[in-house]
Amino acid sequence: MLLEGKVAIVTGGGHGIGRAYSLGIAREGGKVVVADIDAAGADTVAEEIGGEGGQAVAVQADVASLTSCQDMVKTALQRFGQIDGLINNAAIFATIPISRVGFQDISEDEWDRVMDVNLKGVWLCCRAVVPAMQERKQGSIVNISSSTVLSGSASRIHYVSSKAAIIGFSRVLARELGADNIRVNTIAPGSTLSEDNPTEEIVKMREARVGDRALQRVQRPDDLVGTALYLLSDMSSFVTGQMISVGGGDVMY
């Protein structure tokens, strides 16, 4: 029970990889705040956790809004009294899709929306959560980047740029929060079959990435859970400012 007695918020926790993080935390004894802009999705995951004997609360949250992030924190503290971990997983990519086109064909509105959620949203969530961690002089923040940053994948340059910024953001935040015993690390997932109801086209796209890996199979959400649990737990109590690539050896550096 790696996370017994701990409380963690998972943004984008109502679907895909976020759902897997939420379930994994609960199965290791942690209490989960399942935050998602899709209230029904968050409710479903929280109910699933409760059905397995865990503790969870669902929160509708728009990470691009500071007020919404602050309300998320208030709910967490009212329900569980503390916040030990935060997984900044919410992003525009799968559940809320993006255009997969060249850089000249991305609209300015779409560029701004991706940055608002994928990058600004991480900043706002940290702003909202960190004071509760500072009060107790402990905490672990896990930000989600992408292996596309390491490989320089063509198309969707707005997504890749937002995820590249997460790495730098996390390193600076790790420096700023170290004195408060708050750790900040980053996971870079490989191409993951994370869609709730993937189309045949999406499945084929994920299968096409298998050949790039040392471990040649399709990556699924559960493949990322172990690393997230490690970073949230006391097993990584002296690990901060690091980026861990979890993609079956798709990128090695």
Protein backbone atom coordinates (compact mmCIF):
# COMPACT_ATOMS: atom_id res chain seq x y z
CA MET A 1 0.00 0.00 0.00
CA LEU A 2 2.42 2.65 -1.27
CA LEU A 3 0.05 5.57 -0.77
CA GLU A 4 -1.82 4.68 2.39
CA GLY A 5 -2.75 7.86 4.25
CA LYS A 6 -2.04 10.09 1.24
CA VAL A 7 -4.40 12.23 -0.83
CA ALA A 8 -3.78 12.92 -4.50
CA ILE A 9 -5.49 15.03 -7.14
CA VAL A 10 -5.55 13.73 -10.71
CA THR A 11 -6.56 16.26 -13.35
CA GLY A 12 -8.12 14.76 -16.44
CA GLY A 13 -8.88 11.83 -14.15
CA GLY A 14 -12.17 10.90 -15.76
CA HIS A 15 -10.80 9.24 -18.88
CA GLY A 16 -7.91 7.33 -20.40
CA ILE A 17 -4.56 7.55 -18.67
CA GLY A 18 -6.00 9.84 -15.96
CA ARG A 19 -8.53 7.16 -15.07
CA ALA A 20 -5.71 4.62 -14.81
CA TYR A 21 -3.75 6.93 -12.49
CA SER A 22 -6.81 7.44 -10.30
CA LEU A 23 -7.57 3.74 -10.00
CA GLY A 24 -3.91 2.94 -9.35
CA ILE A 25 -3.68 5.47 -6.52
CA ALA A 26 -6.80 4.09 -4.86
CA ARG A 27 -5.58 0.50 -5.15
CA GLU A 28 -2.42 1.53 -3.30
CA GLY A 29 -4.44 2.96 -0.42
CA GLY A 30 -4.53 6.60 -1.50
CA LYS A 31 -7.56 8.86 -1.46
CA VAL A 32 -8.27 10.37 -4.87
CA VAL A 33 -9.69 13.65 -6.09
CA VAL A 34 -10.82 12.82 -9.61
CA ALA A 35 -10.86 16.16 -11.42
CA ASP A 36 -12.12 16.49 -14.96
CA ILE A 37 -13.88 19.06 -17.11
CA ASP A 38 -16.29 16.22 -17.90
CA ALA A 39 -18.26 15.93 -14.64
CA ALA A 40 -19.92 12.68 -15.68
CA GLY A 41 -16.56 11.08 -16.46
CA ALA A 42 -15.16 12.13 -13.07
CA ASP A 43 -18.26 10.78 -11.31
CA THR A 44 -17.97 7.43 -13.08
CA VAL A 45 -14.33 6.95 -12.03
CA ALA A 46 -15.01 8.04 -8.44
CA GLU A 47 -17.90 5.58 -8.26
CA GLU A 48 -15.67 2.85 -9.70
CA ILE A 49 -13.10 3.52 -6.97
CA GLY A 50 -15.81 3.46 -4.30
CA GLY A 51 -17.08 0.18 -5.68
CA GLU A 52 -13.65 -1.33 -5.16
CA GLY A 53 -13.57 -0.17 -1.56
CA GLY A 54 -11.48 2.96 -2.11
CA GLN A 55 -12.14 6.60 -1.30
CA ALA A 56 -12.60 9.24 -3.99
CA VAL A 57 -14.42 12.45 -4.71
CA ALA A 58 -15.28 13.73 -8.18
CA VAL A 59 -14.76 17.39 -9.06
CA GLN A 60 -15.63 19.20 -12.26
CA ALA A 61 -12.58 21.34 -13.01
CA ASP A 62 -11.39 23.48 -15.89
CA VAL A 63 -7.62 23.68 -15.41
CA ALA A 64 -7.44 26.77 -17.61
CA SER A 65 -9.35 28.70 -14.91
CA LEU A 66 -7.61 29.68 -11.66
CA THR A 67 -10.97 29.97 -9.89
CA SER A 68 -11.89 26.45 -10.97
CA CYS A 69 -8.52 25.12 -9.79
CA GLN A 70 -8.97 26.84 -6.43
CA ASP A 71 -12.44 25.34 -6.07
CA MET A 72 -10.92 21.92 -6.81
CA VAL A 73 -8.45 22.41 -3.95
CA LYS A 74 -11.19 23.57 -1.58
CA THR A 75 -13.18 20.41 -2.31
CA ALA A 76 -10.12 18.24 -1.72
CA LEU A 77 -9.37 19.88 1.63
CA GLN A 78 -12.98 19.84 2.75
CA ARG A 79 -13.31 16.14 1.95
CA PHE A 80 -9.90 14.79 2.97
CA GLY A 81 -8.17 17.55 4.97
CA GLN A 82 -4.85 17.47 3.10
CA ILE A 83 -3.20 17.21 -0.31
CA ASP A 84 -0.07 15.10 -0.70
CA GLY A 85 0.11 14.63 -4.45
CA LEU A 86 -0.92 16.18 -7.74
CA ILE A 87 -0.81 14.59 -11.17
CA ASN A 88 -1.18 17.28 -13.83
CA ASN A 89 -2.57 15.00 -16.50
CA ALA A 90 -5.33 17.13 -18.10
CA ALA A 91 -4.49 18.01 -21.69
CA ILE A 92 -5.97 18.60 -25.09
CA PHE A 93 -4.90 15.61 -27.15
CA ALA A 94 -7.03 12.47 -26.91
CA THR A 95 -10.34 12.98 -25.09
CA ILE A 96 -10.39 16.52 -26.48
CA PRO A 97 -8.66 16.01 -29.84
CA ILE A 98 -6.32 18.35 -31.70
CA SER A 99 -5.48 18.86 -35.34
CA ARG A 100 -2.66 16.69 -36.63
CA VAL A 101 -1.41 19.04 -39.31
CA GLY A 102 1.66 21.04 -40.25
CA PHE A 103 2.55 24.17 -38.30
CA GLN A 104 1.22 26.50 -41.00
CA ASP A 105 -2.24 24.92 -40.90
CA ILE A 106 -2.92 25.26 -37.16
CA SER A 107 -5.33 28.06 -36.34
CA GLU A 108 -4.34 30.73 -33.85
CA ASP A 109 -7.37 29.89 -31.72
CA GLU A 110 -6.38 26.22 -31.52
CA TRP A 111 -2.77 27.12 -30.65
CA ASP A 112 -3.98 29.35 -27.80
CA ARG A 113 -6.44 26.75 -26.49
CA VAL A 114 -3.77 24.02 -26.40
CA MET A 115 -1.38 26.30 -24.52
CA ASP A 116 -4.13 27.41 -22.13
CA VAL A 117 -4.91 23.84 -21.07
CA ASN A 118 -1.64 21.95 -21.54
CA LEU A 119 0.75 24.54 -20.14
CA LYS A 120 -1.12 27.34 -18.39
CA GLY A 121 -3.36 24.71 -16.79
CA VAL A 122 -0.37 23.04 -15.14
CA TRP A 123 0.80 26.41 -13.79
CA LEU A 124 -2.64 27.26 -12.42
CA CYS A 125 -3.11 23.86 -10.78
CA CYS A 126 0.27 24.18 -9.10
CA ARG A 127 -0.57 27.71 -7.93
CA ALA A 128 -3.77 26.40 -6.37
CA VAL A 129 -2.35 23.23 -4.79
CA VAL A 130 1.11 24.26 -3.57
CA PRO A 131 0.00 26.40 -0.57
CA ALA A 132 -1.65 23.33 1.01
CA MET A 133 1.57 21.36 0.50
CA GLN A 134 3.74 24.18 1.84
CA GLU A 135 1.67 24.30 5.00
CA ARG A 136 2.58 20.68 5.73
CA LYS A 137 6.11 20.91 4.30
CA GLN A 138 5.65 17.93 2.00
CA GLY A 139 4.22 16.99 -1.35
CA SER A 140 4.84 15.47 -4.76
CA ILE A 141 3.83 17.00 -8.08
CA VAL A 142 3.92 14.83 -11.20
CA ASN A 143 3.62 16.71 -14.48
CA ILE A 144 2.92 14.89 -17.73
CA SER A 145 5.02 15.65 -20.79
CA SER A 146 5.33 13.43 -23.87
CA SER A 147 7.95 11.37 -25.68
CA THR A 148 7.12 13.43 -28.79
CA VAL A 149 9.30 16.11 -27.19
CA LEU A 150 12.28 13.74 -27.37
CA SER A 151 11.61 12.41 -30.86
CA GLY A 152 10.50 15.66 -32.50
CA SER A 153 7.39 14.09 -34.00
CA ALA A 154 6.11 15.87 -37.09
CA SER A 155 2.67 17.57 -37.02
CA ARG A 156 0.79 18.91 -33.97
CA ILE A 157 3.62 21.33 -33.16
CA HIS A 158 1.40 23.15 -30.64
CA TYR A 159 0.99 19.98 -28.58
CA VAL A 160 4.69 19.10 -28.70
CA SER A 161 5.67 22.67 -27.80
CA SER A 162 3.33 22.67 -24.80
CA LYS A 163 4.76 19.37 -23.58
CA ALA A 164 8.36 20.51 -24.09
CA ALA A 165 7.62 23.53 -21.90
CA ILE A 166 6.40 21.21 -19.13
CA ILE A 167 9.91 19.82 -18.70
CA GLY A 168 11.46 23.25 -18.17
CA PHE A 169 8.56 24.33 -15.98
CA SER A 170 8.99 21.30 -13.76
CA ARG A 171 12.71 21.80 -13.30
CA VAL A 172 12.29 25.42 -12.26
CA LEU A 173 9.44 24.54 -9.92
CA ALA A 174 11.53 21.77 -8.35
CA ARG A 175 14.19 24.38 -7.54
CA GLU A 176 11.65 26.83 -6.14
CA LEU A 177 9.85 24.29 -3.95
CA GLY A 178 12.74 22.18 -2.73
CA ALA A 179 13.07 24.17 0.50
CA ASP A 180 9.46 23.20 1.29
CA ASN A 181 10.20 19.49 0.77
CA ILE A 182 7.93 19.45 -2.28
CA ARG A 183 9.15 17.34 -5.16
CA VAL A 184 8.36 18.01 -8.83
CA ASN A 185 8.98 15.43 -11.53
CA THR A 186 7.84 14.72 -15.07
CA ILE A 187 6.67 11.61 -16.92
CA ALA A 188 6.97 11.47 -20.70
CA PRO A 189 4.56 8.80 -21.98
CA GLY A 190 5.03 7.16 -25.33
CA SER A 191 2.22 6.81 -27.87
CA THR A 192 -0.54 5.29 -25.73
CA LEU A 193 -3.85 3.73 -26.72
CA SER A 194 -5.67 5.92 -24.21
CA GLU A 195 -8.87 6.76 -26.06
CA ASP A 196 -12.09 5.47 -24.45
CA ASN A 197 -13.51 4.26 -27.75
CA PRO A 198 -10.65 4.29 -30.26
CA THR A 199 -11.49 4.21 -33.95
CA GLU A 200 -9.85 1.69 -36.25
CA GLU A 201 -7.69 4.54 -37.55
CA ILE A 202 -6.45 5.39 -34.03
CA VAL A 203 -5.71 1.73 -33.26
CA LYS A 204 -3.70 1.40 -36.46
CA MET A 205 -1.79 4.58 -35.64
CA ARG A 206 -0.85 3.24 -32.19
CA GLU A 207 0.10 -0.15 -33.63
CA ALA A 208 2.36 1.56 -36.17
CA ARG A 209 4.50 2.86 -33.30
CA VAL A 210 5.28 -0.64 -32.02
CA GLY A 211 8.24 -1.03 -34.35
CA ASP A 212 9.94 2.01 -32.80
CA ARG A 213 10.09 0.34 -29.39
CA ALA A 214 12.52 -2.01 -27.72
CA LEU A 215 9.45 -3.60 -26.08
CA GLN A 216 7.37 -4.23 -29.15
CA ARG A 217 3.74 -3.97 -28.17
CA VAL A 218 1.04 -1.33 -27.98
CA GLN A 219 1.34 0.92 -24.92
CA ARG A 220 -1.74 1.14 -22.71
CA PRO A 221 -2.66 3.45 -19.79
CA ASP A 222 -1.77 0.89 -17.12
CA ASP A 223 1.83 0.91 -18.38
CA LEU A 224 2.24 4.41 -16.90
CA VAL A 225 0.72 3.81 -13.49
CA GLY A 226 3.73 2.25 -11.77
CA THR A 227 5.98 5.21 -12.50
CA ALA A 228 3.35 7.67 -11.27
CA LEU A 229 2.85 5.71 -8.05
CA TYR A 230 6.61 5.63 -7.47
CA LEU A 231 6.89 9.40 -7.89
CA LEU A 232 3.93 10.07 -5.59
CA SER A 233 5.18 7.70 -2.92
CA ASP A 234 7.90 8.01 -0.28
CA MET A 235 10.00 5.57 -2.31
CA SER A 236 11.06 8.58 -4.42
CA SER A 237 11.56 10.93 -1.46
CA PHE A 238 14.93 12.16 -2.79
CA VAL A 239 13.96 12.38 -6.46
CA THR A 240 13.04 15.78 -7.89
CA GLY A 241 13.50 17.78 -11.07
CA GLN A 242 13.68 14.59 -13.14
CA MET A 243 11.98 13.48 -16.35
CA ILE A 244 11.23 9.78 -16.82
CA SER A 245 10.39 8.47 -20.29
CA VAL A 246 7.87 5.60 -20.22
CA GLY A 247 7.46 4.36 -23.75
CA GLY A 248 8.86 0.84 -23.93
CA GLY A 249 12.18 2.14 -25.17
CA ASP A 250 10.76 4.24 -28.01
CA VAL A 251 13.31 6.93 -27.17
CA MET A 252 16.56 6.36 -25.28
CA TYR A 253 18.74 9.20 -24.09
